[in-house]
Amino acid sequence: MSALHKHAPVARAQKLAFANNKLEKRLLRHTGQAITQFNMIEAGDKVMVCLSGGKDSYGLLEVLLLLRDRAPIDFDIIAVNLDQKQPDFPEHVLPEYLRAKGVPFHIEAQDTYSIVKRVIAEGKTMCSLCSRLRRGILYRVAGELGATKIALGHHRDDILGTFFLNLFYGGRLKAMPPKLVSDDGRHVVIRPLAFVEEADLVRYADLKAFPIIPCNLCGSQVNLKRQEIKRMLIEWQKRFPGRVENTFNALARVAPSHLMDANLFDFASLRASGRPDVDGDVAFDEPPCGDKDDAAANVIRFA
């Protein structure tokens, strides 16, 4: 065996280790950036991480644990799972995983599965009702546990998917906010993975060998509109590199005066003042792709 072939496995292992380390650093950087930019976590917070058993929530928990160890502030983490009593749900998986990691946790058992199956006709989309039931229960649990922040595992692609769902099917410019206050004003909900690509979470789940629990309630609904949007974004990523990133960055660079919502901009009161305005309408003074200096503002780099 030649020396080249002899050392090939070692070289491959080193290359893989380097790539894995780079992946984790990228996840930490993007998550930390979102937490800082939107002031998601503060000193003394008790962060309730909603753990479903899917790749996103596992990744969220893992990254927050790593960031907590490095953060200049102290905050607590508690993992919460809502056992919706789906058939064949492996109840032992999450408790065993969390005990092994030494993470405080709470399992809330509520049979929302039966409610959704009873109320929603066969073949209809279950997501809306399931989400409302789940949200109400998690808000209650957060209050009982004294959690000051509720962390959800939605990522960049979820936010973009919601944006296009609202645009195409709801006629609204609306996405998922990285941080919000619940309708009752009692809870702050955060999405620390807002800047993280789903592809990175898929790779991270493989790397960490998370014990993934599939959702049997809606997993068979392959024709959901959200899946159509997901396929569209994947196709864009292949055919038009940079388009997905530019669209996402546009969500942070909104010009209400150049849209048509009179609730966001007072068009009715606009009058010519007779005075030059250096910040006036320059919409037609620059190329379609914008000025490079302007484009650098509020841009998330995904490399």
C-alpha atoms as a PDB file:
ATOM      1  CA  MET A   1       0.000   0.000   0.000  1.00  0.00           C
ATOM      2  CA  SER A   2       1.382   3.386  -0.970  1.00  0.00           C
ATOM      3  CA  ALA A   3       1.949   6.084   1.632  1.00  0.00           C
ATOM      4  CA  LEU A   4      -0.724   8.192  -0.069  1.00  0.00           C
ATOM      5  CA  HIS A   5      -3.393   5.498   0.293  1.00  0.00           C
ATOM      6  CA  LYS A   6      -2.262   4.699   3.831  1.00  0.00           C
ATOM      7  CA  HIS A   7      -2.863   8.252   5.071  1.00  0.00           C
ATOM      8  CA  ALA A   8      -6.057   8.855   3.082  1.00  0.00           C
ATOM      9  CA  PRO A   9      -8.458   7.744   5.899  1.00  0.00           C
ATOM     10  CA  VAL A  10      -6.682  10.037   8.362  1.00  0.00           C
ATOM     11  CA  ALA A  11      -6.914  12.964   5.970  1.00  0.00           C
ATOM     12  CA  ARG A  12     -10.628  12.325   5.424  1.00  0.00           C
ATOM     13  CA  ALA A  13     -11.239  12.155   9.167  1.00  0.00           C
ATOM     14  CA  GLN A  14      -9.374  15.415   9.720  1.00  0.00           C
ATOM     15  CA  LYS A  15     -11.321  17.103   6.922  1.00  0.00           C
ATOM     16  CA  LEU A  16     -14.622  15.894   8.398  1.00  0.00           C
ATOM     17  CA  ALA A  17     -13.662  17.053  11.897  1.00  0.00           C
ATOM     18  CA  PHE A  18     -12.767  20.484  10.508  1.00  0.00           C
ATOM     19  CA  ALA A  19     -16.110  20.742   8.681  1.00  0.00           C
ATOM     20  CA  ASN A  20     -18.056  19.692  11.785  1.00  0.00           C
ATOM     21  CA  ASN A  21     -16.224  22.211  13.938  1.00  0.00           C
ATOM     22  CA  LYS A  22     -16.927  24.922  11.366  1.00  0.00           C
ATOM     23  CA  LEU A  23     -20.610  23.970  11.334  1.00  0.00           C
ATOM     24  CA  GLU A  24     -20.967  24.270  15.101  1.00  0.00           C
ATOM     25  CA  LYS A  25     -19.132  27.594  15.138  1.00  0.00           C
ATOM     26  CA  ARG A  26     -21.465  28.905  12.438  1.00  0.00           C
ATOM     27  CA  LEU A  27     -24.530  27.822  14.423  1.00  0.00           C
ATOM     28  CA  LEU A  28     -23.180  29.497  17.544  1.00  0.00           C
ATOM     29  CA  ARG A  29     -22.331  32.681  15.630  1.00  0.00           C
ATOM     30  CA  HIS A  30     -25.695  33.043  13.934  1.00  0.00           C
ATOM     31  CA  THR A  31     -27.632  32.194  17.090  1.00  0.00           C
ATOM     32  CA  GLY A  32     -25.540  34.560  19.180  1.00  0.00           C
ATOM     33  CA  GLN A  33     -26.012  37.274  16.582  1.00  0.00           C
ATOM     34  CA  ALA A  34     -29.802  36.933  16.709  1.00  0.00           C
ATOM     35  CA  ILE A  35     -29.855  36.878  20.517  1.00  0.00           C
ATOM     36  CA  THR A  36     -27.748  40.030  20.672  1.00  0.00           C
ATOM     37  CA  GLN A  37     -29.457  41.948  17.878  1.00  0.00           C
ATOM     38  CA  PHE A  38     -32.952  41.418  19.281  1.00  0.00           C
ATOM     39  CA  ASN A  39     -31.995  41.337  22.982  1.00  0.00           C
ATOM     40  CA  MET A  40     -33.567  37.907  23.352  1.00  0.00           C
ATOM     41  CA  ILE A  41     -31.893  36.750  26.563  1.00  0.00           C
ATOM     42  CA  GLU A  42     -30.991  38.913  29.557  1.00  0.00           C
ATOM     43  CA  ALA A  43     -29.246  38.350  32.869  1.00  0.00           C
ATOM     44  CA  GLY A  44     -31.340  36.299  35.251  1.00  0.00           C
ATOM     45  CA  ASP A  45     -33.671  34.929  32.582  1.00  0.00           C
ATOM     46  CA  LYS A  46     -35.183  31.495  32.881  1.00  0.00           C
ATOM     47  CA  VAL A  47     -35.450  30.276  29.296  1.00  0.00           C
ATOM     48  CA  MET A  48     -38.041  27.600  28.598  1.00  0.00           C
ATOM     49  CA  VAL A  49     -36.858  25.677  25.527  1.00  0.00           C
ATOM     50  CA  CYS A  50     -39.781  23.983  23.809  1.00  0.00           C
ATOM     51  CA  LEU A  51     -38.475  20.535  22.866  1.00  0.00           C
ATOM     52  CA  SER A  52     -40.588  18.574  20.404  1.00  0.00           C
ATOM     53  CA  GLY A  53     -38.099  15.849  19.607  1.00  0.00           C
ATOM     54  CA  GLY A  54     -37.419  17.219  16.128  1.00  0.00           C
ATOM     55  CA  LYS A  55     -34.059  18.317  14.744  1.00  0.00           C
ATOM     56  CA  ASP A  56     -34.752  22.037  15.174  1.00  0.00           C
ATOM     57  CA  SER A  57     -35.624  21.977  18.856  1.00  0.00           C
ATOM     58  CA  TYR A  58     -32.757  19.585  19.640  1.00  0.00           C
ATOM     59  CA  GLY A  59     -30.379  21.936  17.820  1.00  0.00           C
ATOM     60  CA  LEU A  60     -31.799  24.950  19.665  1.00  0.00           C
ATOM     61  CA  LEU A  61     -31.300  23.322  23.053  1.00  0.00           C
ATOM     62  CA  GLU A  62     -27.757  22.193  22.245  1.00  0.00           C
ATOM     63  CA  VAL A  63     -26.673  25.605  20.951  1.00  0.00           C
ATOM     64  CA  LEU A  64     -28.238  27.481  23.877  1.00  0.00           C
ATOM     65  CA  LEU A  65     -26.458  25.186  26.341  1.00  0.00           C
ATOM     66  CA  LEU A  66     -23.132  25.916  24.624  1.00  0.00           C
ATOM     67  CA  LEU A  67     -23.796  29.657  24.520  1.00  0.00           C
ATOM     68  CA  ARG A  68     -24.830  29.709  28.190  1.00  0.00           C
ATOM     69  CA  ASP A  69     -21.451  28.272  29.166  1.00  0.00           C
ATOM     70  CA  ARG A  70     -19.703  31.056  27.234  1.00  0.00           C
ATOM     71  CA  ALA A  71     -22.054  33.965  27.874  1.00  0.00           C
ATOM     72  CA  PRO A  72     -20.994  36.963  30.007  1.00  0.00           C
ATOM     73  CA  ILE A  73     -24.384  36.785  31.767  1.00  0.00           C
ATOM     74  CA  ASP A  74     -26.087  34.103  33.850  1.00  0.00           C
ATOM     75  CA  PHE A  75     -29.368  32.575  32.716  1.00  0.00           C
ATOM     76  CA  ASP A  76     -31.133  29.280  33.331  1.00  0.00           C
ATOM     77  CA  ILE A  77     -32.508  26.766  30.845  1.00  0.00           C
ATOM     78  CA  ILE A  78     -35.359  24.337  31.312  1.00  0.00           C
ATOM     79  CA  ALA A  79     -36.554  22.029  28.548  1.00  0.00           C
ATOM     80  CA  VAL A  80     -40.289  21.453  28.175  1.00  0.00           C
ATOM     81  CA  ASN A  81     -41.976  18.832  26.033  1.00  0.00           C
ATOM     82  CA  LEU A  82     -45.682  18.652  25.328  1.00  0.00           C
ATOM     83  CA  ASP A  83     -46.688  15.001  25.092  1.00  0.00           C
ATOM     84  CA  GLN A  84     -49.752  15.272  22.835  1.00  0.00           C
ATOM     85  CA  LYS A  85     -50.556  11.576  23.253  1.00  0.00           C
ATOM     86  CA  GLN A  86     -49.940  10.648  19.663  1.00  0.00           C
ATOM     87  CA  PRO A  87     -50.136   6.898  19.033  1.00  0.00           C
ATOM     88  CA  ASP A  88     -46.816   5.114  19.495  1.00  0.00           C
ATOM     89  CA  PHE A  89     -45.114   8.248  20.861  1.00  0.00           C
ATOM     90  CA  PRO A  90     -41.888   7.027  22.559  1.00  0.00           C
ATOM     91  CA  GLU A  91     -42.379   8.666  25.964  1.00  0.00           C
ATOM     92  CA  HIS A  92     -39.018   7.486  27.295  1.00  0.00           C
ATOM     93  CA  VAL A  93     -36.793   9.112  24.657  1.00  0.00           C
ATOM     94  CA  LEU A  94     -36.744  12.746  25.782  1.00  0.00           C
ATOM     95  CA  PRO A  95     -36.519  12.118  29.552  1.00  0.00           C
ATOM     96  CA  GLU A  96     -33.613   9.724  29.028  1.00  0.00           C
ATOM     97  CA  TYR A  97     -31.838  12.161  26.713  1.00  0.00           C
ATOM     98  CA  LEU A  98     -32.295  15.154  29.024  1.00  0.00           C
ATOM     99  CA  ARG A  99     -31.277  13.269  32.166  1.00  0.00           C
ATOM    100  CA  ALA A 100     -28.111  12.108  30.414  1.00  0.00           C
ATOM    101  CA  LYS A 101     -27.279  15.738  29.555  1.00  0.00           C
ATOM    102  CA  GLY A 102     -28.161  16.989  33.025  1.00  0.00           C
ATOM    103  CA  VAL A 103     -30.783  19.410  31.690  1.00  0.00           C
ATOM    104  CA  PRO A 104     -33.753  20.275  33.954  1.00  0.00           C
ATOM    105  CA  PHE A 105     -36.991  19.394  32.172  1.00  0.00           C
ATOM    106  CA  HIS A 106     -40.736  19.137  32.438  1.00  0.00           C
ATOM    107  CA  ILE A 107     -43.019  16.843  30.450  1.00  0.00           C
ATOM    108  CA  GLU A 108     -46.568  18.154  30.058  1.00  0.00           C
ATOM    109  CA  ALA A 109     -49.028  15.418  29.060  1.00  0.00           C
ATOM    110  CA  GLN A 110     -52.146  16.715  27.283  1.00  0.00           C
ATOM    111  CA  ASP A 111     -54.201  14.740  24.787  1.00  0.00           C
ATOM    112  CA  THR A 112     -54.442  17.346  22.042  1.00  0.00           C
ATOM    113  CA  TYR A 113     -54.090  14.601  19.452  1.00  0.00           C
ATOM    114  CA  SER A 114     -57.610  13.296  20.066  1.00  0.00           C
ATOM    115  CA  ILE A 115     -59.044  16.819  19.987  1.00  0.00           C
ATOM    116  CA  VAL A 116     -57.444  17.628  16.647  1.00  0.00           C
ATOM    117  CA  LYS A 117     -58.457  14.304  15.089  1.00  0.00           C
ATOM    118  CA  ARG A 118     -62.033  14.768  16.317  1.00  0.00           C
ATOM    119  CA  VAL A 119     -62.445  18.381  15.194  1.00  0.00           C
ATOM    120  CA  ILE A 120     -60.535  18.415  11.883  1.00  0.00           C
ATOM    121  CA  ALA A 121     -62.002  16.425   8.996  1.00  0.00           C
ATOM    122  CA  GLU A 122     -59.851  13.721   7.450  1.00  0.00           C
ATOM    123  CA  GLY A 123     -57.500  15.163   4.830  1.00  0.00           C
ATOM    124  CA  LYS A 124     -57.784  18.737   6.096  1.00  0.00           C
ATOM    125  CA  THR A 125     -54.832  20.712   7.444  1.00  0.00           C
ATOM    126  CA  MET A 126     -54.365  20.140  11.165  1.00  0.00           C
ATOM    127  CA  CYS A 127     -51.546  22.622  11.777  1.00  0.00           C
ATOM    128  CA  SER A 128     -53.627  25.647  12.747  1.00  0.00           C
ATOM    129  CA  LEU A 129     -55.701  24.019  15.504  1.00  0.00           C
ATOM    130  CA  CYS A 130     -52.772  21.942  16.736  1.00  0.00           C
ATOM    131  CA  SER A 131     -50.631  25.069  16.969  1.00  0.00           C
ATOM    132  CA  ARG A 132     -53.288  27.033  18.906  1.00  0.00           C
ATOM    133  CA  LEU A 133     -53.820  24.232  21.416  1.00  0.00           C
ATOM    134  CA  ARG A 134     -50.104  23.722  21.868  1.00  0.00           C
ATOM    135  CA  ARG A 135     -49.437  27.441  22.274  1.00  0.00           C
ATOM    136  CA  GLY A 136     -52.058  27.861  24.992  1.00  0.00           C
ATOM    137  CA  ILE A 137     -50.718  24.926  26.982  1.00  0.00           C
ATOM    138  CA  LEU A 138     -47.094  26.059  26.699  1.00  0.00           C
ATOM    139  CA  TYR A 139     -47.990  29.584  27.828  1.00  0.00           C
ATOM    140  CA  ARG A 140     -49.674  28.149  30.914  1.00  0.00           C
ATOM    141  CA  VAL A 141     -46.714  25.886  31.678  1.00  0.00           C
ATOM    142  CA  ALA A 142     -44.291  28.800  31.269  1.00  0.00           C
ATOM    143  CA  GLY A 143     -46.204  30.717  33.939  1.00  0.00           C
ATOM    144  CA  GLU A 144     -46.249  27.735  36.280  1.00  0.00           C
ATOM    145  CA  LEU A 145     -42.489  27.201  35.877  1.00  0.00           C
ATOM    146  CA  GLY A 146     -41.638  30.888  36.261  1.00  0.00           C
ATOM    147  CA  ALA A 147     -40.043  31.069  32.804  1.00  0.00           C
ATOM    148  CA  THR A 148     -39.263  34.593  31.619  1.00  0.00           C
ATOM    149  CA  LYS A 149     -38.618  33.637  27.987  1.00  0.00           C
ATOM    150  CA  ILE A 150     -40.124  30.925  25.783  1.00  0.00           C
ATOM    151  CA  ALA A 151     -37.658  29.744  23.119  1.00  0.00           C
ATOM    152  CA  LEU A 152     -38.960  28.161  19.914  1.00  0.00           C
ATOM    153  CA  GLY A 153     -36.903  26.325  17.301  1.00  0.00           C
ATOM    154  CA  HIS A 154     -38.058  28.145  14.168  1.00  0.00           C
ATOM    155  CA  HIS A 155     -35.178  28.866  11.785  1.00  0.00           C
ATOM    156  CA  ARG A 156     -34.515  31.129   8.808  1.00  0.00           C
ATOM    157  CA  ASP A 157     -36.332  28.881   6.343  1.00  0.00           C
ATOM    158  CA  ASP A 158     -39.418  28.742   8.592  1.00  0.00           C
ATOM    159  CA  ILE A 159     -39.496  32.535   8.694  1.00  0.00           C
ATOM    160  CA  LEU A 160     -39.159  32.799   4.924  1.00  0.00           C
ATOM    161  CA  GLY A 161     -41.758  30.083   4.421  1.00  0.00           C
ATOM    162  CA  THR A 162     -44.248  31.973   6.587  1.00  0.00           C
ATOM    163  CA  PHE A 163     -43.508  35.177   4.686  1.00  0.00           C
ATOM    164  CA  PHE A 164     -44.324  33.575   1.334  1.00  0.00           C
ATOM    165  CA  LEU A 165     -47.387  31.762   2.716  1.00  0.00           C
ATOM    166  CA  ASN A 166     -48.802  35.098   3.854  1.00  0.00           C
ATOM    167  CA  LEU A 167     -47.787  36.763   0.590  1.00  0.00           C
ATOM    168  CA  PHE A 168     -49.148  34.127  -1.800  1.00  0.00           C
ATOM    169  CA  TYR A 169     -52.203  32.908   0.107  1.00  0.00           C
ATOM    170  CA  GLY A 170     -53.016  35.655   2.599  1.00  0.00           C
ATOM    171  CA  GLY A 171     -52.221  38.801   0.656  1.00  0.00           C
ATOM    172  CA  ARG A 172     -50.116  40.183   3.509  1.00  0.00           C
ATOM    173  CA  LEU A 173     -46.481  41.147   4.053  1.00  0.00           C
ATOM    174  CA  LYS A 174     -45.979  39.258   7.278  1.00  0.00           C
ATOM    175  CA  ALA A 175     -43.484  36.692   8.552  1.00  0.00           C
ATOM    176  CA  MET A 176     -42.446  35.240  11.932  1.00  0.00           C
ATOM    177  CA  PRO A 177     -40.930  37.826  14.284  1.00  0.00           C
ATOM    178  CA  PRO A 178     -37.681  36.892  16.036  1.00  0.00           C
ATOM    179  CA  LYS A 179     -39.176  38.137  19.301  1.00  0.00           C
ATOM    180  CA  LEU A 180     -42.746  38.849  20.364  1.00  0.00           C
ATOM    181  CA  VAL A 181     -45.035  39.333  23.342  1.00  0.00           C
ATOM    182  CA  SER A 182     -47.913  36.878  23.663  1.00  0.00           C
ATOM    183  CA  ASP A 183     -51.478  38.051  23.059  1.00  0.00           C
ATOM    184  CA  ASP A 184     -52.202  38.176  26.797  1.00  0.00           C
ATOM    185  CA  GLY A 185     -49.104  40.294  27.388  1.00  0.00           C
ATOM    186  CA  ARG A 186     -47.627  37.835  29.897  1.00  0.00           C
ATOM    187  CA  HIS A 187     -44.917  36.028  27.937  1.00  0.00           C
ATOM    188  CA  VAL A 188     -41.958  36.901  25.727  1.00  0.00           C
ATOM    189  CA  VAL A 189     -41.395  34.401  22.916  1.00  0.00           C
ATOM    190  CA  ILE A 190     -38.007  34.246  21.204  1.00  0.00           C
ATOM    191  CA  ARG A 191     -36.649  32.484  18.118  1.00  0.00           C
ATOM    192  CA  PRO A 192     -32.868  32.291  18.632  1.00  0.00           C
ATOM    193  CA  LEU A 193     -32.390  30.268  15.418  1.00  0.00           C
ATOM    194  CA  ALA A 194     -33.861  33.067  13.275  1.00  0.00           C
ATOM    195  CA  PHE A 195     -30.603  33.472  11.319  1.00  0.00           C
ATOM    196  CA  VAL A 196     -29.838  29.730  11.043  1.00  0.00           C
ATOM    197  CA  GLU A 197     -30.342  27.777   7.801  1.00  0.00           C
ATOM    198  CA  GLU A 198     -32.338  24.568   8.007  1.00  0.00           C
ATOM    199  CA  ALA A 199     -29.630  22.710   6.072  1.00  0.00           C
ATOM    200  CA  ASP A 200     -27.182  23.417   8.892  1.00  0.00           C
ATOM    201  CA  LEU A 201     -29.630  22.041  11.458  1.00  0.00           C
ATOM    202  CA  VAL A 202     -30.046  18.872   9.382  1.00  0.00           C
ATOM    203  CA  ARG A 203     -26.277  18.367   9.316  1.00  0.00           C
ATOM    204  CA  TYR A 204     -25.980  19.198  13.018  1.00  0.00           C
ATOM    205  CA  ALA A 205     -28.649  16.635  13.921  1.00  0.00           C
ATOM    206  CA  ASP A 206     -26.685  13.976  12.027  1.00  0.00           C
ATOM    207  CA  LEU A 207     -23.449  15.057  13.683  1.00  0.00           C
ATOM    208  CA  LYS A 208     -24.915  14.934  17.193  1.00  0.00           C
ATOM    209  CA  ALA A 209     -27.040  11.846  16.484  1.00  0.00           C
ATOM    210  CA  PHE A 210     -30.080  13.384  18.165  1.00  0.00           C
ATOM    211  CA  PRO A 211     -32.799  10.788  18.942  1.00  0.00           C
ATOM    212  CA  ILE A 212     -35.331  12.277  16.523  1.00  0.00           C
ATOM    213  CA  ILE A 213     -39.034  11.692  17.217  1.00  0.00           C
ATOM    214  CA  PRO A 214     -41.202  12.077  14.087  1.00  0.00           C
ATOM    215  CA  CYS A 215     -44.532  13.902  14.281  1.00  0.00           C
ATOM    216  CA  ASN A 216     -47.217  11.441  13.174  1.00  0.00           C
ATOM    217  CA  LEU A 217     -50.036  13.952  13.509  1.00  0.00           C
ATOM    218  CA  CYS A 218     -49.284  16.016  10.428  1.00  0.00           C
ATOM    219  CA  GLY A 219     -46.292  14.262   8.892  1.00  0.00           C
ATOM    220  CA  SER A 220     -48.463  12.505   6.317  1.00  0.00           C
ATOM    221  CA  GLN A 221     -49.933  15.747   4.995  1.00  0.00           C
ATOM    222  CA  VAL A 222     -47.500  15.968   2.118  1.00  0.00           C
ATOM    223  CA  ASN A 223     -49.534  18.468   0.114  1.00  0.00           C
ATOM    224  CA  LEU A 224     -49.444  21.232   2.680  1.00  0.00           C
ATOM    225  CA  LYS A 225     -48.838  24.679   1.219  1.00  0.00           C
ATOM    226  CA  ARG A 226     -45.803  25.066   3.470  1.00  0.00           C
ATOM    227  CA  GLN A 227     -44.203  22.094   1.741  1.00  0.00           C
ATOM    228  CA  GLU A 228     -44.842  23.741  -1.625  1.00  0.00           C
ATOM    229  CA  ILE A 229     -43.066  26.878  -0.421  1.00  0.00           C
ATOM    230  CA  LYS A 230     -40.203  24.785   0.919  1.00  0.00           C
ATOM    231  CA  ARG A 231     -39.736  23.103  -2.441  1.00  0.00           C
ATOM    232  CA  MET A 232     -39.761  26.521  -4.124  1.00  0.00           C
ATOM    233  CA  LEU A 233     -37.012  27.821  -1.844  1.00  0.00           C
ATOM    234  CA  ILE A 234     -34.889  24.714  -2.409  1.00  0.00           C
ATOM    235  CA  GLU A 235     -35.256  25.162  -6.163  1.00  0.00           C
ATOM    236  CA  TRP A 236     -34.288  28.834  -5.878  1.00  0.00           C
ATOM    237  CA  GLN A 237     -31.212  27.916  -3.862  1.00  0.00           C
ATOM    238  CA  LYS A 238     -30.092  25.567  -6.620  1.00  0.00           C
ATOM    239  CA  ARG A 239     -30.922  27.722  -9.654  1.00  0.00           C
ATOM    240  CA  PHE A 240     -30.406  31.241  -8.299  1.00  0.00           C
ATOM    241  CA  PRO A 241     -27.654  31.337  -5.662  1.00  0.00           C
ATOM    242  CA  GLY A 242     -28.115  34.285  -3.330  1.00  0.00           C
ATOM    243  CA  ARG A 243     -31.820  34.819  -4.009  1.00  0.00           C
ATOM    244  CA  VAL A 244     -32.977  33.198  -0.740  1.00  0.00           C
ATOM    245  CA  GLU A 245     -30.414  35.142   1.298  1.00  0.00           C
ATOM    246  CA  ASN A 246     -31.381  38.431  -0.370  1.00  0.00           C
ATOM    247  CA  THR A 247     -35.065  37.796   0.273  1.00  0.00           C
ATOM    248  CA  PHE A 248     -34.411  37.055   3.923  1.00  0.00           C
ATOM    249  CA  ASN A 249     -32.236  40.141   4.349  1.00  0.00           C
ATOM    250  CA  ALA A 250     -34.999  42.239   2.786  1.00  0.00           C
ATOM    251  CA  LEU A 251     -37.172  41.458   5.809  1.00  0.00           C
ATOM    252  CA  ALA A 252     -34.827  43.631   7.885  1.00  0.00           C
ATOM    253  CA  ARG A 253     -34.608  46.466   5.333  1.00  0.00           C
ATOM    254  CA  VAL A 254     -38.168  47.656   4.921  1.00  0.00           C
ATOM    255  CA  ALA A 255     -39.088  51.054   3.433  1.00  0.00           C
ATOM    256  CA  PRO A 256     -42.738  51.754   4.436  1.00  0.00           C
ATOM    257  CA  SER A 257     -42.764  54.929   2.315  1.00  0.00           C
ATOM    258  CA  HIS A 258     -42.248  52.764  -0.778  1.00  0.00           C
ATOM    259  CA  LEU A 259     -45.068  50.341  -0.056  1.00  0.00           C
ATOM    260  CA  MET A 260     -48.814  51.033   0.118  1.00  0.00           C
ATOM    261  CA  ASP A 261     -49.843  50.583   3.744  1.00  0.00           C
ATOM    262  CA  ALA A 262     -51.307  53.886   4.959  1.00  0.00           C
ATOM    263  CA  ASN A 263     -51.216  52.535   8.529  1.00  0.00           C
ATOM    264  CA  LEU A 264     -47.417  52.400   8.378  1.00  0.00           C
ATOM    265  CA  PHE A 265     -46.802  55.609   6.437  1.00  0.00           C
ATOM    266  CA  ASP A 266     -48.871  58.794   6.386  1.00  0.00           C
ATOM    267  CA  PHE A 267     -49.287  59.266   2.646  1.00  0.00           C
ATOM    268  CA  ALA A 268     -52.346  61.496   3.102  1.00  0.00           C
ATOM    269  CA  SER A 269     -50.333  64.194   4.882  1.00  0.00           C
ATOM    270  CA  LEU A 270     -47.515  64.335   2.343  1.00  0.00           C
ATOM    271  CA  ARG A 271     -46.996  67.882   0.995  1.00  0.00           C
ATOM    272  CA  ALA A 272     -44.271  69.507  -1.048  1.00  0.00           C
ATOM    273  CA  SER A 273     -42.238  71.601   1.396  1.00  0.00           C
ATOM    274  CA  GLY A 274     -40.179  73.478  -1.176  1.00  0.00           C
ATOM    275  CA  ARG A 275     -37.031  72.479   0.707  1.00  0.00           C
ATOM    276  CA  PRO A 276     -34.459  69.938  -0.521  1.00  0.00           C
ATOM    277  CA  ASP A 277     -34.422  66.682   1.401  1.00  0.00           C
ATOM    278  CA  VAL A 278     -31.188  64.699   1.261  1.00  0.00           C
ATOM    279  CA  ASP A 279     -33.121  61.636   2.394  1.00  0.00           C
ATOM    280  CA  GLY A 280     -35.893  62.148  -0.122  1.00  0.00           C
ATOM    281  CA  ASP A 281     -37.046  59.790  -2.853  1.00  0.00           C
ATOM    282  CA  VAL A 282     -33.962  58.161  -4.383  1.00  0.00           C
ATOM    283  CA  ALA A 283     -35.811  55.047  -5.515  1.00  0.00           C
ATOM    284  CA  PHE A 284     -35.028  55.661  -9.174  1.00  0.00           C
ATOM    285  CA  ASP A 285     -31.521  57.038  -8.708  1.00  0.00           C
ATOM    286  CA  GLU A 286     -29.771  53.701  -8.168  1.00  0.00           C
ATOM    287  CA  PRO A 287     -29.550  50.396 -10.008  1.00  0.00           C
ATOM    288  CA  PRO A 288     -32.082  47.662  -9.153  1.00  0.00           C
ATOM    289  CA  CYS A 289     -29.600  45.740  -7.020  1.00  0.00           C
ATOM    290  CA  GLY A 290     -28.966  48.733  -4.778  1.00  0.00           C
ATOM    291  CA  ASP A 291     -25.832  50.413  -3.567  1.00  0.00           C
ATOM    292  CA  LYS A 292     -23.206  48.140  -2.044  1.00  0.00           C
ATOM    293  CA  ASP A 293     -22.724  50.306   1.037  1.00  0.00           C
ATOM    294  CA  ASP A 294     -26.470  50.455   1.657  1.00  0.00           C
ATOM    295  CA  ALA A 295     -26.834  46.729   1.060  1.00  0.00           C
ATOM    296  CA  ALA A 296     -24.279  45.993   3.774  1.00  0.00           C
ATOM    297  CA  ALA A 297     -26.592  47.332   6.451  1.00  0.00           C
ATOM    298  CA  ASN A 298     -28.727  44.776   8.329  1.00  0.00           C
ATOM    299  CA  VAL A 299     -27.403  41.922   6.198  1.00  0.00           C
ATOM    300  CA  ILE A 300     -26.875  38.469   7.668  1.00  0.00           C
ATOM    301  CA  ARG A 301     -23.926  36.605   6.181  1.00  0.00           C
ATOM    302  CA  PHE A 302     -24.624  32.878   5.897  1.00  0.00           C
ATOM    303  CA  ALA A 303     -21.165  31.661   4.955  1.00  0.00           C
END
